[in-house]
PDB file of all heavy atoms in Angstrom:
ATOM      1  N   LEU A   1       0.824  -1.208   0.044  1.00  0.00           N
ATOM      2  CA  LEU A   1       0.018  -0.004  -0.034  1.00  0.00           C
ATOM      3  C   LEU A   1       0.942   1.312   0.056  1.00  0.00           C
ATOM      4  O   LEU A   1       0.628   2.160  -0.772  1.00  0.00           O
ATOM      5  CB  LEU A   1      -0.908  -0.006   1.232  1.00  0.00           C
ATOM      6  CG  LEU A   1      -2.098  -1.061   1.193  1.00  0.00           C
ATOM      7  CD1 LEU A   1      -2.724  -1.198   2.529  1.00  0.00           C
ATOM      8  CD2 LEU A   1      -3.191  -0.609   0.177  1.00  0.00           C
ATOM      9  N   ILE A   2       1.862   1.271   0.810  1.00  0.00           N
ATOM     10  CA  ILE A   2       2.820   2.384   0.864  1.00  0.00           C
ATOM     11  C   ILE A   2       3.511   2.608  -0.442  1.00  0.00           C
ATOM     12  O   ILE A   2       3.641   3.711  -0.976  1.00  0.00           O
ATOM     13  CB  ILE A   2       3.814   2.300   2.007  1.00  0.00           C
ATOM     14  CG1 ILE A   2       3.069   2.380   3.399  1.00  0.00           C
ATOM     15  CG2 ILE A   2       4.994   3.278   1.905  1.00  0.00           C
ATOM     16  CD1 ILE A   2       3.993   1.979   4.564  1.00  0.00           C
ATOM     17  N   GLU A   3       3.967   1.537  -1.029  1.00  0.00           N
ATOM     18  CA  GLU A   3       4.689   1.487  -2.284  1.00  0.00           C
ATOM     19  C   GLU A   3       3.807   2.099  -3.392  1.00  0.00           C
ATOM     20  O   GLU A   3       4.365   2.850  -4.300  1.00  0.00           O
ATOM     21  CB  GLU A   3       5.064   0.081  -2.652  1.00  0.00           C
ATOM     22  CG  GLU A   3       5.859  -0.138  -3.883  1.00  0.00           C
ATOM     23  CD  GLU A   3       6.134  -1.575  -4.204  1.00  0.00           C
ATOM     24  OE1 GLU A   3       6.529  -2.321  -3.194  1.00  0.00           O
ATOM     25  OE2 GLU A   3       5.828  -2.005  -5.340  1.00  0.00           O
ATOM     26  N   ASN A   4       2.525   1.783  -3.387  1.00  0.00           N
ATOM     27  CA  ASN A   4       1.563   2.242  -4.469  1.00  0.00           C
ATOM     28  C   ASN A   4       0.959   3.629  -4.051  1.00  0.00           C
ATOM     29  O   ASN A   4       0.181   4.125  -4.805  1.00  0.00           O
ATOM     30  CB  ASN A   4       0.420   1.278  -4.667  1.00  0.00           C
ATOM     31  CG  ASN A   4       0.884   0.065  -5.373  1.00  0.00           C
ATOM     32  OD1 ASN A   4       1.543   0.075  -6.383  1.00  0.00           O
ATOM     33  ND2 ASN A   4       0.590  -1.133  -4.685  1.00  0.00           N
ATOM     34  N   LYS A   5       1.334   4.155  -2.917  1.00  0.00           N
ATOM     35  CA  LYS A   5       0.736   5.390  -2.326  1.00  0.00           C
ATOM     36  C   LYS A   5      -0.771   5.324  -2.223  1.00  0.00           C
ATOM     37  O   LYS A   5      -1.490   6.297  -2.562  1.00  0.00           O
ATOM     38  CB  LYS A   5       1.222   6.592  -3.269  1.00  0.00           C
ATOM     39  CG  LYS A   5       2.636   6.877  -3.229  1.00  0.00           C
ATOM     40  CD  LYS A   5       3.043   8.044  -4.115  1.00  0.00           C
ATOM     41  CE  LYS A   5       4.457   8.504  -3.908  1.00  0.00           C
ATOM     42  NZ  LYS A   5       5.548   7.644  -4.509  1.00  0.00           N
ATOM     43  N   TYR A   6      -1.260   4.190  -1.747  1.00  0.00           N
ATOM     44  CA  TYR A   6      -2.657   3.918  -1.555  1.00  0.00           C
ATOM     45  C   TYR A   6      -3.044   4.000  -0.031  1.00  0.00           C
ATOM     46  O   TYR A   6      -2.263   3.675   0.761  1.00  0.00           O
ATOM     47  CB  TYR A   6      -3.014   2.454  -2.012  1.00  0.00           C
ATOM     48  CG  TYR A   6      -3.095   2.184  -3.462  1.00  0.00           C
ATOM     49  CD1 TYR A   6      -3.027   0.875  -3.996  1.00  0.00           C
ATOM     50  CD2 TYR A   6      -3.198   3.219  -4.454  1.00  0.00           C
ATOM     51  CE1 TYR A   6      -3.146   0.600  -5.273  1.00  0.00           C
ATOM     52  CE2 TYR A   6      -3.276   2.942  -5.782  1.00  0.00           C
ATOM     53  CZ  TYR A   6      -3.236   1.615  -6.201  1.00  0.00           C
ATOM     54  OH  TYR A   6      -3.305   1.356  -7.584  1.00  0.00           O
ATOM     55  N   HIS A   7      -4.321   4.367   0.142  1.00  0.00           N
ATOM     56  CA  HIS A   7      -4.960   4.344   1.436  1.00  0.00           C
ATOM     57  C   HIS A   7      -5.920   3.285   1.435  1.00  0.00           C
ATOM     58  O   HIS A   7      -6.624   3.011   0.362  1.00  0.00           O
ATOM     59  CB  HIS A   7      -5.555   5.678   1.805  1.00  0.00           C
ATOM     60  CG  HIS A   7      -4.589   6.693   2.116  1.00  0.00           C
ATOM     61  ND1 HIS A   7      -3.993   7.472   1.165  1.00  0.00           N
ATOM     62  CD2 HIS A   7      -3.912   7.100   3.343  1.00  0.00           C
ATOM     63  CE1 HIS A   7      -3.035   8.279   1.761  1.00  0.00           C
ATOM     64  NE2 HIS A   7      -3.032   8.035   3.044  1.00  0.00           N
ATOM     65  N   ILE A   8      -6.229   2.602   2.432  1.00  0.00           N
ATOM     66  CA  ILE A   8      -7.116   1.554   2.577  1.00  0.00           C
ATOM     67  C   ILE A   8      -8.241   1.825   3.616  1.00  0.00           C
ATOM     68  O   ILE A   8      -7.908   2.431   4.618  1.00  0.00           O
ATOM     69  CB  ILE A   8      -6.470   0.154   2.808  1.00  0.00           C
ATOM     70  CG1 ILE A   8      -7.495  -1.005   2.726  1.00  0.00           C
ATOM     71  CG2 ILE A   8      -5.825   0.158   4.216  1.00  0.00           C
ATOM     72  CD1 ILE A   8      -6.775  -2.375   2.679  1.00  0.00           C
ATOM     73  N   SER A   9      -9.433   1.398   3.336  1.00  0.00           N
ATOM     74  CA  SER A   9     -10.545   1.478   4.328  1.00  0.00           C
ATOM     75  C   SER A   9     -11.279   0.108   4.307  1.00  0.00           C
ATOM     76  O   SER A   9     -11.550  -0.493   3.189  1.00  0.00           O
ATOM     77  CB  SER A   9     -11.442   2.557   4.037  1.00  0.00           C
ATOM     78  OG  SER A   9     -10.799   3.835   4.162  1.00  0.00           O
ATOM     79  N   PHE A  10     -11.804  -0.324   5.460  1.00  0.00           N
ATOM     80  CA  PHE A  10     -12.484  -1.550   5.551  1.00  0.00           C
ATOM     81  C   PHE A  10     -13.985  -1.206   5.889  1.00  0.00           C
ATOM     82  O   PHE A  10     -14.293  -0.328   6.613  1.00  0.00           O
ATOM     83  CB  PHE A  10     -11.999  -2.459   6.641  1.00  0.00           C
ATOM     84  CG  PHE A  10     -10.633  -2.895   6.394  1.00  0.00           C
ATOM     85  CD1 PHE A  10      -9.507  -2.199   6.863  1.00  0.00           C
ATOM     86  CD2 PHE A  10     -10.318  -4.031   5.508  1.00  0.00           C
ATOM     87  CE1 PHE A  10      -8.181  -2.605   6.693  1.00  0.00           C
ATOM     88  CE2 PHE A  10      -8.964  -4.452   5.267  1.00  0.00           C
ATOM     89  CZ  PHE A  10      -7.943  -3.751   5.849  1.00  0.00           C
ATOM     90  N   ALA A  11     -14.854  -2.077   5.321  1.00  0.00           N
ATOM     91  CA  ALA A  11     -16.364  -2.099   5.553  1.00  0.00           C
ATOM     92  C   ALA A  11     -16.585  -3.491   6.104  1.00  0.00           C
ATOM     93  O   ALA A  11     -16.614  -4.469   5.348  1.00  0.00           O
ATOM     94  CB  ALA A  11     -17.181  -1.724   4.527  1.00  0.00           C
ATOM     95  N   GLU A  12     -16.635  -3.638   7.370  1.00  0.00           N
ATOM     96  CA  GLU A  12     -16.758  -5.070   8.024  1.00  0.00           C
ATOM     97  C   GLU A  12     -18.106  -5.290   8.644  1.00  0.00           C
ATOM     98  O   GLU A  12     -18.625  -4.317   9.381  1.00  0.00           O
ATOM     99  CB  GLU A  12     -15.660  -5.192   9.064  1.00  0.00           C
ATOM    100  CG  GLU A  12     -14.259  -5.021   8.428  1.00  0.00           C
ATOM    101  CD  GLU A  12     -13.116  -5.321   9.501  1.00  0.00           C
ATOM    102  OE1 GLU A  12     -13.090  -6.504   9.934  1.00  0.00           O
ATOM    103  OE2 GLU A  12     -12.458  -4.377   9.842  1.00  0.00           O
ATOM    104  N   SER A  13     -18.645  -6.332   8.429  1.00  0.00           N
ATOM    105  CA  SER A  13     -19.784  -6.888   9.129  1.00  0.00           C
ATOM    106  C   SER A  13     -19.438  -8.022  10.042  1.00  0.00           C
ATOM    107  O   SER A  13     -19.096  -7.735  11.190  1.00  0.00           O
ATOM    108  CB  SER A  13     -20.951  -7.158   8.132  1.00  0.00           C
ATOM    109  OG  SER A  13     -22.109  -7.459   8.757  1.00  0.00           O
ATOM    110  N   CYS A  14     -19.415  -9.209   9.584  1.00  0.00           N
ATOM    111  CA  CYS A  14     -19.180 -10.366  10.473  1.00  0.00           C
ATOM    112  C   CYS A  14     -17.801 -10.457  11.125  1.00  0.00           C
ATOM    113  O   CYS A  14     -17.681 -10.969  12.129  1.00  0.00           O
ATOM    114  CB  CYS A  14     -19.531 -11.671   9.799  1.00  0.00           C
ATOM    115  SG  CYS A  14     -18.275 -12.083   8.492  1.00  0.00           S
ATOM    116  N   THR A  15     -16.863  -9.773  10.518  1.00  0.00           N
ATOM    117  CA  THR A  15     -15.557  -9.664  11.135  1.00  0.00           C
ATOM    118  C   THR A  15     -15.404  -8.598  12.301  1.00  0.00           C
ATOM    119  O   THR A  15     -14.407  -8.653  13.025  1.00  0.00           O
ATOM    120  CB  THR A  15     -14.392  -9.454  10.108  1.00  0.00           C
ATOM    121  OG1 THR A  15     -14.851  -8.382   9.247  1.00  0.00           O
ATOM    122  CG2 THR A  15     -14.138 -10.683   9.289  1.00  0.00           C
ATOM    123  N   GLY A  16     -16.419  -7.651  12.344  1.00  0.00           N
ATOM    124  CA  GLY A  16     -16.445  -6.802  13.497  1.00  0.00           C
ATOM    125  C   GLY A  16     -15.275  -5.953  13.741  1.00  0.00           C
ATOM    126  O   GLY A  16     -14.979  -5.559  14.820  1.00  0.00           O
ATOM    127  N   GLY A  17     -14.495  -5.640  12.772  1.00  0.00           N
ATOM    128  CA  GLY A  17     -13.337  -4.729  12.923  1.00  0.00           C
ATOM    129  C   GLY A  17     -11.979  -5.525  13.003  1.00  0.00           C
ATOM    130  O   GLY A  17     -10.894  -4.946  13.159  1.00  0.00           O
ATOM    131  N   LEU A  18     -12.053  -6.816  12.850  1.00  0.00           N
ATOM    132  CA  LEU A  18     -10.750  -7.635  12.901  1.00  0.00           C
ATOM    133  C   LEU A  18      -9.740  -7.287  11.718  1.00  0.00           C
ATOM    134  O   LEU A  18      -8.558  -7.443  11.924  1.00  0.00           O
ATOM    135  CB  LEU A  18     -11.108  -9.165  12.938  1.00  0.00           C
ATOM    136  CG  LEU A  18     -11.555  -9.756  14.237  1.00  0.00           C
ATOM    137  CD1 LEU A  18     -11.776 -11.221  14.075  1.00  0.00           C
ATOM    138  CD2 LEU A  18     -10.441  -9.550  15.265  1.00  0.00           C
ATOM    139  N   CYS A  19     -10.317  -6.931  10.609  1.00  0.00           N
ATOM    140  CA  CYS A  19      -9.446  -6.532   9.451  1.00  0.00           C
ATOM    141  C   CYS A  19      -8.725  -5.308   9.813  1.00  0.00           C
ATOM    142  O   CYS A  19      -7.415  -5.245   9.664  1.00  0.00           O
ATOM    143  CB  CYS A  19     -10.187  -6.426   8.162  1.00  0.00           C
ATOM    144  SG  CYS A  19     -10.924  -7.907   7.506  1.00  0.00           S
ATOM    145  N   SER A  20      -9.306  -4.330  10.266  1.00  0.00           N
ATOM    146  CA  SER A  20      -8.716  -3.067  10.749  1.00  0.00           C
ATOM    147  C   SER A  20      -7.641  -3.286  11.834  1.00  0.00           C
ATOM    148  O   SER A  20      -6.560  -2.846  11.768  1.00  0.00           O
ATOM    149  CB  SER A  20      -9.822  -2.056  11.123  1.00  0.00           C
ATOM    150  OG  SER A  20     -10.634  -1.573  10.057  1.00  0.00           O
ATOM    151  N   ALA A  21      -8.163  -4.090  12.805  1.00  0.00           N
ATOM    152  CA  ALA A  21      -7.324  -4.380  13.948  1.00  0.00           C
ATOM    153  C   ALA A  21      -5.974  -5.081  13.536  1.00  0.00           C
ATOM    154  O   ALA A  21      -4.928  -4.866  14.088  1.00  0.00           O
ATOM    155  CB  ALA A  21      -8.114  -5.227  15.004  1.00  0.00           C
ATOM    156  N   THR A  22      -6.195  -5.988  12.563  1.00  0.00           N
ATOM    157  CA  THR A  22      -4.970  -6.753  12.118  1.00  0.00           C
ATOM    158  C   THR A  22      -4.061  -5.811  11.348  1.00  0.00           C
ATOM    159  O   THR A  22      -2.777  -5.888  11.596  1.00  0.00           O
ATOM    160  CB  THR A  22      -5.415  -7.903  11.114  1.00  0.00           C
ATOM    161  OG1 THR A  22      -6.272  -8.762  11.953  1.00  0.00           O
ATOM    162  CG2 THR A  22      -4.244  -8.641  10.590  1.00  0.00           C
ATOM    163  N   LEU A  23      -4.596  -4.877  10.571  1.00  0.00           N
ATOM    164  CA  LEU A  23      -3.705  -3.901   9.866  1.00  0.00           C
ATOM    165  C   LEU A  23      -3.010  -3.032  10.883  1.00  0.00           C
ATOM    166  O   LEU A  23      -1.818  -2.714  10.730  1.00  0.00           O
ATOM    167  CB  LEU A  23      -4.493  -3.072   8.918  1.00  0.00           C
ATOM    168  CG  LEU A  23      -3.701  -2.246   7.969  1.00  0.00           C
ATOM    169  CD1 LEU A  23      -3.338  -3.095   6.714  1.00  0.00           C
ATOM    170  CD2 LEU A  23      -4.338  -0.949   7.532  1.00  0.00           C
ATOM    171  N   VAL A  24      -3.721  -2.596  11.962  1.00  0.00           N
ATOM    172  CA  VAL A  24      -3.115  -1.762  12.921  1.00  0.00           C
ATOM    173  C   VAL A  24      -2.028  -2.444  13.730  1.00  0.00           C
ATOM    174  O   VAL A  24      -1.227  -1.680  14.367  1.00  0.00           O
ATOM    175  CB  VAL A  24      -4.222  -1.139  13.811  1.00  0.00           C
ATOM    176  CG1 VAL A  24      -3.705  -0.331  14.955  1.00  0.00           C
ATOM    177  CG2 VAL A  24      -5.152  -0.226  12.879  1.00  0.00           C
ATOM    178  N   ASN A  25      -1.954  -3.760  13.708  1.00  0.00           N
ATOM    179  CA  ASN A  25      -0.768  -4.376  14.338  1.00  0.00           C
ATOM    180  C   ASN A  25       0.550  -4.020  13.681  1.00  0.00           C
ATOM    181  O   ASN A  25       1.541  -4.278  14.335  1.00  0.00           O
ATOM    182  CB  ASN A  25      -1.030  -5.912  14.248  1.00  0.00           C
ATOM    183  CG  ASN A  25      -2.026  -6.491  15.182  1.00  0.00           C
ATOM    184  OD1 ASN A  25      -2.435  -5.839  16.241  1.00  0.00           O
ATOM    185  ND2 ASN A  25      -2.577  -7.540  14.794  1.00  0.00           N
ATOM    186  N   VAL A  26       0.494  -3.503  12.541  1.00  0.00           N
ATOM    187  CA  VAL A  26       1.679  -3.240  11.723  1.00  0.00           C
ATOM    188  C   VAL A  26       2.215  -1.805  11.998  1.00  0.00           C
ATOM    189  O   VAL A  26       1.417  -0.873  11.924  1.00  0.00           O
ATOM    190  CB  VAL A  26       1.411  -3.463  10.211  1.00  0.00           C
ATOM    191  CG1 VAL A  26       2.671  -3.213   9.402  1.00  0.00           C
ATOM    192  CG2 VAL A  26       0.974  -4.875   9.953  1.00  0.00           C
ATOM    193  N   THR A  27       3.459  -1.709  12.202  1.00  0.00           N
ATOM    194  CA  THR A  27       4.142  -0.402  12.178  1.00  0.00           C
ATOM    195  C   THR A  27       3.937   0.156  10.845  1.00  0.00           C
ATOM    196  O   THR A  27       3.866  -0.456   9.788  1.00  0.00           O
ATOM    197  CB  THR A  27       5.725  -0.518  12.390  1.00  0.00           C
ATOM    198  OG1 THR A  27       5.869  -1.274  13.534  1.00  0.00           O
ATOM    199  CG2 THR A  27       6.369   0.733  12.423  1.00  0.00           C
TER     200      THR A  27
END
């Protein structure tokens, strides 16, 4: 994402924020 200069957003239902939380684990 950084390499491509992209920003990401998640729209989560059954995962309840786990995708965002997993991404936030990363420096």
